[in-house]
Amino acid sequence: MHEYTSTVRVWGLSCPGFPEEVSRARRWTRDILRGSPWAEDAELIVSELSANAILHTASGQDSGSFHLALAVSAQAIALSVTDGGGAGTAPKVERQDQDAEHGRGLGMVSVIAHRVVVHKSDDGHTVTAELYTEPPVGGLPC
């Protein structure tokens, strides 16, 4: 392989902040990952992160939007959703009691994904969930 050739494939999608766009984000993810054993997990993660962006940030307000990125390599699948900001707090994993009706989504994502990272910028938050298709060099993190 040539030293400047990458085997990583990257896709991006921008969606208006309407609830029906969550199903579009799921379908887009499913189509890209068709045949992958991780497709259903990835679809669920994208669905949850997209819905959170619409419900909890400026993405779901007038003329708001959210953005998805999907990177696939032989070792990992990385799914990122960037929201429109405007939330008073950063997304975080919270453990809810069994009777809670809200607040379980990011916790569910953190159980499905091998790693979840939240990055804050001036324009909003990007939540990235990683699924390892092969164990990373040095084994899985503790």
N, C-alpha and C. Protein backbone atom coordinates (compact mmCIF):
# COMPACT_ATOMS: atom_id res chain seq x y z
N MET A 1 0.84 -1.17 0.00
CA MET A 1 0.00 0.00 0.00
C MET A 1 0.89 1.24 0.00
N HIS A 2 0.50 2.21 -0.73
CA HIS A 2 1.22 3.47 -0.79
C HIS A 2 1.06 4.21 0.54
N GLU A 3 2.08 4.89 1.01
CA GLU A 3 2.05 5.52 2.32
C GLU A 3 1.00 6.62 2.45
N TYR A 4 0.52 7.17 1.35
CA TYR A 4 -0.48 8.22 1.41
C TYR A 4 -1.89 7.73 1.11
N THR A 5 -2.05 6.45 0.98
CA THR A 5 -3.36 5.89 0.70
C THR A 5 -4.04 5.54 2.02
N SER A 6 -5.25 5.95 2.17
CA SER A 6 -6.01 5.67 3.39
C SER A 6 -7.07 4.63 3.09
N THR A 7 -7.28 3.74 4.02
CA THR A 7 -8.36 2.77 3.88
C THR A 7 -9.59 3.20 4.67
N VAL A 8 -9.55 4.39 5.25
CA VAL A 8 -10.69 4.91 5.98
C VAL A 8 -11.63 5.60 4.99
N ARG A 9 -12.91 5.27 5.11
CA ARG A 9 -13.94 5.92 4.29
C ARG A 9 -14.76 6.81 5.21
N VAL A 10 -15.07 8.03 4.75
CA VAL A 10 -15.81 8.99 5.57
C VAL A 10 -16.99 9.53 4.79
N TRP A 11 -18.16 9.59 5.44
CA TRP A 11 -19.37 10.14 4.84
C TRP A 11 -19.90 11.23 5.76
N GLY A 12 -20.63 12.18 5.21
CA GLY A 12 -21.25 13.24 6.01
C GLY A 12 -22.66 13.52 5.52
N LEU A 13 -23.50 13.95 6.44
CA LEU A 13 -24.89 14.28 6.12
C LEU A 13 -25.34 15.41 7.03
N SER A 14 -25.96 16.43 6.45
CA SER A 14 -26.57 17.52 7.23
C SER A 14 -28.07 17.40 7.12
N CYS A 15 -28.74 17.56 8.24
CA CYS A 15 -30.20 17.40 8.28
C CYS A 15 -30.85 18.60 8.95
N PRO A 16 -31.99 19.04 8.44
CA PRO A 16 -32.76 20.06 9.15
C PRO A 16 -33.22 19.46 10.49
N GLY A 17 -33.44 20.31 11.47
CA GLY A 17 -33.77 19.83 12.81
C GLY A 17 -35.21 19.42 13.03
N PHE A 18 -35.76 18.64 12.13
CA PHE A 18 -37.13 18.14 12.27
C PHE A 18 -37.11 16.70 12.78
N PRO A 19 -38.07 16.32 13.60
CA PRO A 19 -38.09 14.96 14.14
C PRO A 19 -38.06 13.86 13.07
N GLU A 20 -38.69 14.09 11.94
CA GLU A 20 -38.70 13.06 10.88
C GLU A 20 -37.32 12.83 10.27
N GLU A 21 -36.39 13.74 10.51
CA GLU A 21 -35.03 13.57 10.00
C GLU A 21 -34.26 12.48 10.75
N VAL A 22 -34.73 12.10 11.93
CA VAL A 22 -34.08 11.02 12.67
C VAL A 22 -34.18 9.72 11.88
N SER A 23 -35.34 9.46 11.28
CA SER A 23 -35.48 8.23 10.48
C SER A 23 -34.60 8.30 9.23
N ARG A 24 -34.44 9.48 8.67
CA ARG A 24 -33.53 9.65 7.53
C ARG A 24 -32.09 9.34 7.94
N ALA A 25 -31.68 9.83 9.11
CA ALA A 25 -30.33 9.56 9.62
C ALA A 25 -30.12 8.07 9.84
N ARG A 26 -31.11 7.39 10.39
CA ARG A 26 -31.03 5.93 10.59
C ARG A 26 -30.88 5.21 9.26
N ARG A 27 -31.72 5.56 8.30
CA ARG A 27 -31.69 4.92 6.98
C ARG A 27 -30.35 5.14 6.28
N TRP A 28 -29.82 6.36 6.37
CA TRP A 28 -28.53 6.70 5.79
C TRP A 28 -27.43 5.82 6.39
N THR A 29 -27.44 5.70 7.70
CA THR A 29 -26.45 4.87 8.40
C THR A 29 -26.59 3.41 7.99
N ARG A 30 -27.80 2.91 7.97
CA ARG A 30 -28.06 1.52 7.58
C ARG A 30 -27.60 1.25 6.15
N ASP A 31 -27.85 2.19 5.25
CA ASP A 31 -27.45 2.00 3.86
C ASP A 31 -25.92 1.95 3.71
N ILE A 32 -25.22 2.82 4.42
CA ILE A 32 -23.76 2.83 4.33
C ILE A 32 -23.17 1.55 4.91
N LEU A 33 -23.74 1.09 6.03
CA LEU A 33 -23.17 -0.07 6.73
C LEU A 33 -23.84 -1.39 6.36
N ARG A 34 -24.59 -1.39 5.28
CA ARG A 34 -25.27 -2.63 4.85
C ARG A 34 -24.28 -3.79 4.80
N GLY A 35 -24.63 -4.89 5.46
CA GLY A 35 -23.79 -6.08 5.48
C GLY A 35 -22.83 -6.13 6.65
N SER A 36 -22.67 -5.03 7.36
CA SER A 36 -21.77 -5.00 8.53
C SER A 36 -22.48 -5.59 9.74
N PRO A 37 -21.78 -6.38 10.55
CA PRO A 37 -22.39 -6.89 11.77
C PRO A 37 -22.69 -5.79 12.79
N TRP A 38 -22.16 -4.59 12.56
CA TRP A 38 -22.36 -3.47 13.48
C TRP A 38 -23.46 -2.52 13.00
N ALA A 39 -24.12 -2.82 11.89
CA ALA A 39 -25.10 -1.90 11.30
C ALA A 39 -26.25 -1.57 12.24
N GLU A 40 -26.81 -2.56 12.91
CA GLU A 40 -27.95 -2.30 13.78
C GLU A 40 -27.55 -1.47 15.00
N ASP A 41 -26.39 -1.77 15.59
CA ASP A 41 -25.91 -0.96 16.71
C ASP A 41 -25.67 0.48 16.26
N ALA A 42 -25.05 0.66 15.12
CA ALA A 42 -24.77 1.99 14.60
C ALA A 42 -26.06 2.76 14.32
N GLU A 43 -27.03 2.08 13.77
CA GLU A 43 -28.32 2.71 13.47
C GLU A 43 -29.00 3.19 14.76
N LEU A 44 -28.96 2.37 15.80
CA LEU A 44 -29.54 2.76 17.08
C LEU A 44 -28.80 3.95 17.69
N ILE A 45 -27.49 3.93 17.62
CA ILE A 45 -26.69 5.04 18.16
C ILE A 45 -27.00 6.34 17.43
N VAL A 46 -27.02 6.31 16.11
CA VAL A 46 -27.31 7.51 15.33
C VAL A 46 -28.71 8.02 15.62
N SER A 47 -29.65 7.12 15.78
CA SER A 47 -31.01 7.51 16.09
C SER A 47 -31.08 8.26 17.42
N GLU A 48 -30.43 7.73 18.43
CA GLU A 48 -30.45 8.34 19.75
C GLU A 48 -29.72 9.69 19.75
N LEU A 49 -28.55 9.75 19.15
CA LEU A 49 -27.78 11.00 19.14
C LEU A 49 -28.49 12.08 18.33
N SER A 50 -29.11 11.70 17.22
CA SER A 50 -29.85 12.66 16.39
C SER A 50 -31.07 13.20 17.13
N ALA A 51 -31.80 12.30 17.78
CA ALA A 51 -32.98 12.72 18.55
C ALA A 51 -32.57 13.66 19.68
N ASN A 52 -31.47 13.35 20.36
CA ASN A 52 -30.99 14.23 21.43
C ASN A 52 -30.65 15.61 20.90
N ALA A 53 -30.01 15.68 19.74
CA ALA A 53 -29.67 16.97 19.14
C ALA A 53 -30.93 17.79 18.89
N ILE A 54 -31.96 17.16 18.36
CA ILE A 54 -33.20 17.87 18.05
C ILE A 54 -33.96 18.28 19.31
N LEU A 55 -34.00 17.40 20.30
CA LEU A 55 -34.78 17.67 21.50
C LEU A 55 -34.13 18.62 22.49
N HIS A 56 -32.81 18.61 22.57
CA HIS A 56 -32.14 19.31 23.66
C HIS A 56 -31.26 20.48 23.25
N THR A 57 -31.20 20.81 21.95
CA THR A 57 -30.33 21.90 21.51
C THR A 57 -31.05 22.77 20.48
N ALA A 58 -30.34 23.78 20.02
CA ALA A 58 -30.89 24.68 19.00
C ALA A 58 -31.11 23.97 17.67
N SER A 59 -30.61 22.77 17.52
CA SER A 59 -30.84 22.02 16.28
C SER A 59 -32.32 21.83 16.00
N GLY A 60 -33.13 21.69 17.05
CA GLY A 60 -34.55 21.47 16.87
C GLY A 60 -35.38 22.73 16.83
N GLN A 61 -34.74 23.88 16.86
CA GLN A 61 -35.48 25.14 16.82
C GLN A 61 -35.53 25.66 15.39
N ASP A 62 -36.19 26.80 15.21
CA ASP A 62 -36.34 27.39 13.87
C ASP A 62 -35.04 27.39 13.10
N SER A 63 -35.07 26.86 11.94
CA SER A 63 -33.95 26.78 10.99
C SER A 63 -32.71 26.09 11.57
N GLY A 64 -32.90 25.27 12.61
CA GLY A 64 -31.79 24.52 13.18
C GLY A 64 -31.46 23.30 12.34
N SER A 65 -30.30 22.73 12.60
CA SER A 65 -29.89 21.52 11.88
C SER A 65 -28.91 20.74 12.75
N PHE A 66 -28.67 19.51 12.34
CA PHE A 66 -27.64 18.70 12.98
C PHE A 66 -26.86 18.02 11.87
N HIS A 67 -25.66 17.60 12.20
CA HIS A 67 -24.75 17.07 11.19
C HIS A 67 -24.20 15.72 11.65
N LEU A 68 -24.14 14.79 10.72
CA LEU A 68 -23.61 13.47 11.01
C LEU A 68 -22.34 13.22 10.22
N ALA A 69 -21.45 12.47 10.83
CA ALA A 69 -20.25 11.99 10.14
C ALA A 69 -20.11 10.53 10.49
N LEU A 70 -19.73 9.74 9.51
CA LEU A 70 -19.55 8.31 9.69
C LEU A 70 -18.22 7.94 9.05
N ALA A 71 -17.33 7.41 9.87
CA ALA A 71 -16.02 6.98 9.38
C ALA A 71 -15.90 5.48 9.60
N VAL A 72 -15.45 4.77 8.57
CA VAL A 72 -15.34 3.32 8.63
C VAL A 72 -13.94 2.90 8.21
N SER A 73 -13.31 2.10 9.04
CA SER A 73 -12.03 1.48 8.71
C SER A 73 -12.13 0.00 9.05
N ALA A 74 -11.07 -0.72 8.82
CA ALA A 74 -11.07 -2.14 9.15
C ALA A 74 -11.12 -2.36 10.66
N GLN A 75 -10.69 -1.37 11.43
CA GLN A 75 -10.62 -1.52 12.88
C GLN A 75 -11.80 -0.91 13.63
N ALA A 76 -12.45 0.10 13.07
CA ALA A 76 -13.48 0.81 13.84
C ALA A 76 -14.49 1.49 12.95
N ILE A 77 -15.63 1.78 13.56
CA ILE A 77 -16.68 2.62 12.98
C ILE A 77 -16.86 3.77 13.97
N ALA A 78 -16.75 5.00 13.49
CA ALA A 78 -16.96 6.17 14.33
C ALA A 78 -18.16 6.94 13.82
N LEU A 79 -19.12 7.19 14.70
CA LEU A 79 -20.35 7.89 14.36
C LEU A 79 -20.38 9.18 15.17
N SER A 80 -20.48 10.31 14.49
CA SER A 80 -20.50 11.60 15.18
C SER A 80 -21.75 12.38 14.81
N VAL A 81 -22.36 12.99 15.81
CA VAL A 81 -23.49 13.89 15.59
C VAL A 81 -23.14 15.22 16.24
N THR A 82 -23.20 16.28 15.44
CA THR A 82 -22.92 17.62 15.91
C THR A 82 -24.22 18.39 15.98
N ASP A 83 -24.50 18.96 17.14
CA ASP A 83 -25.76 19.71 17.32
C ASP A 83 -25.54 21.20 17.09
N GLY A 84 -26.63 21.95 17.20
CA GLY A 84 -26.59 23.38 16.93
C GLY A 84 -26.30 24.24 18.14
N GLY A 85 -25.91 23.62 19.27
CA GLY A 85 -25.59 24.39 20.46
C GLY A 85 -26.84 24.92 21.15
N GLY A 86 -26.64 25.88 22.04
CA GLY A 86 -27.75 26.50 22.73
C GLY A 86 -28.19 25.78 23.99
N ALA A 87 -27.61 24.61 24.27
CA ALA A 87 -27.95 23.91 25.51
C ALA A 87 -27.10 24.48 26.63
N GLY A 88 -27.67 24.56 27.81
CA GLY A 88 -26.94 25.11 28.94
C GLY A 88 -25.83 24.20 29.44
N THR A 89 -25.95 22.90 29.15
CA THR A 89 -24.96 21.95 29.63
C THR A 89 -24.55 21.03 28.49
N ALA A 90 -23.39 20.43 28.66
CA ALA A 90 -22.90 19.47 27.66
C ALA A 90 -23.61 18.14 27.86
N PRO A 91 -23.78 17.38 26.77
CA PRO A 91 -24.35 16.04 26.92
C PRO A 91 -23.46 15.21 27.85
N LYS A 92 -24.10 14.40 28.70
CA LYS A 92 -23.33 13.54 29.59
C LYS A 92 -24.13 12.29 29.91
N VAL A 93 -23.42 11.24 30.22
CA VAL A 93 -24.05 9.99 30.60
C VAL A 93 -24.54 10.12 32.02
N GLU A 94 -25.83 9.87 32.20
CA GLU A 94 -26.41 9.92 33.54
C GLU A 94 -27.08 8.59 33.83
N ARG A 95 -26.90 8.10 35.03
CA ARG A 95 -27.57 6.88 35.47
C ARG A 95 -28.90 7.29 36.11
N GLN A 96 -29.98 6.89 35.48
CA GLN A 96 -31.32 7.23 35.97
C GLN A 96 -31.89 6.08 36.78
N ASP A 97 -32.81 6.40 37.70
CA ASP A 97 -33.46 5.32 38.42
C ASP A 97 -34.44 4.62 37.49
N GLN A 98 -34.92 3.48 37.89
CA GLN A 98 -35.73 2.65 36.99
C GLN A 98 -37.06 3.27 36.60
N ASP A 99 -37.54 4.26 37.33
CA ASP A 99 -38.81 4.90 37.01
C ASP A 99 -38.67 6.14 36.13
N ALA A 100 -37.47 6.56 35.84
CA ALA A 100 -37.24 7.77 35.05
C ALA A 100 -37.77 7.57 33.63
N GLU A 101 -38.42 8.61 33.11
CA GLU A 101 -38.98 8.54 31.76
C GLU A 101 -38.06 9.16 30.72
N HIS A 102 -37.05 9.90 31.15
CA HIS A 102 -36.12 10.57 30.24
C HIS A 102 -34.70 10.43 30.79
N GLY A 103 -33.72 10.71 29.93
CA GLY A 103 -32.34 10.77 30.39
C GLY A 103 -31.57 9.47 30.29
N ARG A 104 -32.11 8.49 29.58
CA ARG A 104 -31.42 7.20 29.47
C ARG A 104 -30.66 7.02 28.17
N GLY A 105 -30.88 7.88 27.19
CA GLY A 105 -30.36 7.69 25.84
C GLY A 105 -28.86 7.62 25.73
N LEU A 106 -28.16 8.61 26.28
CA LEU A 106 -26.71 8.62 26.16
C LEU A 106 -26.10 7.49 26.99
N GLY A 107 -26.76 7.13 28.08
CA GLY A 107 -26.32 5.97 28.85
C GLY A 107 -26.42 4.69 28.04
N MET A 108 -27.50 4.56 27.28
CA MET A 108 -27.67 3.40 26.40
C MET A 108 -26.59 3.38 25.33
N VAL A 109 -26.31 4.53 24.75
CA VAL A 109 -25.26 4.62 23.73
C VAL A 109 -23.91 4.20 24.33
N SER A 110 -23.64 4.62 25.56
CA SER A 110 -22.35 4.29 26.17
C SER A 110 -22.23 2.80 26.47
N VAL A 111 -23.34 2.10 26.61
CA VAL A 111 -23.31 0.65 26.82
C VAL A 111 -23.07 -0.07 25.49
N ILE A 112 -23.66 0.42 24.41
CA ILE A 112 -23.53 -0.23 23.10
C ILE A 112 -22.16 0.05 22.50
N ALA A 113 -21.70 1.30 22.58
CA ALA A 113 -20.43 1.70 21.96
C ALA A 113 -19.25 1.28 22.84
N HIS A 114 -18.12 1.10 22.19
CA HIS A 114 -16.90 0.81 22.94
C HIS A 114 -16.35 2.05 23.61
N ARG A 115 -16.62 3.22 23.01
CA ARG A 115 -16.15 4.49 23.57
C ARG A 115 -17.08 5.60 23.10
N VAL A 116 -17.36 6.54 23.98
CA VAL A 116 -18.16 7.73 23.66
C VAL A 116 -17.38 8.95 24.11
N VAL A 117 -17.25 9.93 23.21
CA VAL A 117 -16.52 11.16 23.50
C VAL A 117 -17.43 12.34 23.19
N VAL A 118 -17.47 13.32 24.10
CA VAL A 118 -18.23 14.55 23.88
C VAL A 118 -17.23 15.68 23.73
N HIS A 119 -17.35 16.43 22.63
CA HIS A 119 -16.46 17.55 22.37
C HIS A 119 -17.31 18.82 22.27
N LYS A 120 -16.96 19.83 23.05
CA LYS A 120 -17.67 21.11 23.02
C LYS A 120 -16.90 22.10 22.16
N SER A 121 -17.65 22.84 21.35
CA SER A 121 -17.05 23.93 20.58
C SER A 121 -17.93 25.16 20.75
N ASP A 122 -17.54 26.24 20.14
CA ASP A 122 -18.34 27.47 20.23
C ASP A 122 -19.71 27.30 19.56
N ASP A 123 -19.79 26.38 18.62
CA ASP A 123 -21.03 26.21 17.84
C ASP A 123 -21.93 25.11 18.35
N GLY A 124 -21.53 24.36 19.36
CA GLY A 124 -22.36 23.27 19.86
C GLY A 124 -21.52 22.13 20.40
N HIS A 125 -22.07 20.94 20.33
CA HIS A 125 -21.40 19.75 20.84
C HIS A 125 -21.37 18.68 19.75
N THR A 126 -20.29 17.93 19.75
CA THR A 126 -20.21 16.76 18.90
C THR A 126 -20.05 15.55 19.80
N VAL A 127 -20.96 14.60 19.64
CA VAL A 127 -20.87 13.34 20.38
C VAL A 127 -20.43 12.28 19.38
N THR A 128 -19.33 11.61 19.70
CA THR A 128 -18.80 10.56 18.83
C THR A 128 -18.85 9.24 19.58
N ALA A 129 -19.44 8.25 18.93
CA ALA A 129 -19.49 6.90 19.47
C ALA A 129 -18.65 6.01 18.56
N GLU A 130 -17.78 5.23 19.17
CA GLU A 130 -16.90 4.34 18.41
C GLU A 130 -17.27 2.88 18.66
N LEU A 131 -17.33 2.14 17.58
CA LEU A 131 -17.52 0.69 17.63
C LEU A 131 -16.26 0.06 17.08
N TYR A 132 -15.58 -0.75 17.86
CA TYR A 132 -14.35 -1.39 17.40
C TYR A 132 -14.70 -2.68 16.69
N THR A 133 -14.32 -2.75 15.42
CA THR A 133 -14.56 -3.97 14.65
C THR A 133 -13.47 -5.00 14.93
N GLU A 134 -12.32 -4.52 15.37
CA GLU A 134 -11.21 -5.35 15.83
C GLU A 134 -10.67 -4.70 17.08
N PRO A 135 -10.13 -5.47 18.02
CA PRO A 135 -9.56 -4.83 19.21
C PRO A 135 -8.45 -3.87 18.82
N PRO A 136 -8.42 -2.67 19.45
CA PRO A 136 -7.35 -1.72 19.14
C PRO A 136 -6.01 -2.27 19.57
N VAL A 137 -4.96 -1.73 18.99
CA VAL A 137 -3.61 -2.15 19.33
C VAL A 137 -3.43 -1.95 20.83
N GLY A 138 -2.94 -2.96 21.51
CA GLY A 138 -2.76 -2.89 22.95
C GLY A 138 -3.97 -3.40 23.72
N GLY A 139 -4.99 -3.89 23.02
CA GLY A 139 -6.18 -4.43 23.68
C GLY A 139 -7.21 -3.35 23.96
N LEU A 140 -8.31 -3.76 24.54
CA LEU A 140 -9.39 -2.84 24.86
C LEU A 140 -9.02 -1.99 26.06
N PRO A 141 -9.49 -0.73 26.11
CA PRO A 141 -9.19 0.11 27.27
C PRO A 141 -9.84 -0.45 28.52
N CYS A 142 -9.28 -0.13 29.67
CA CYS A 142 -9.81 -0.60 30.96
C CYS A 142 -11.10 0.12 31.29
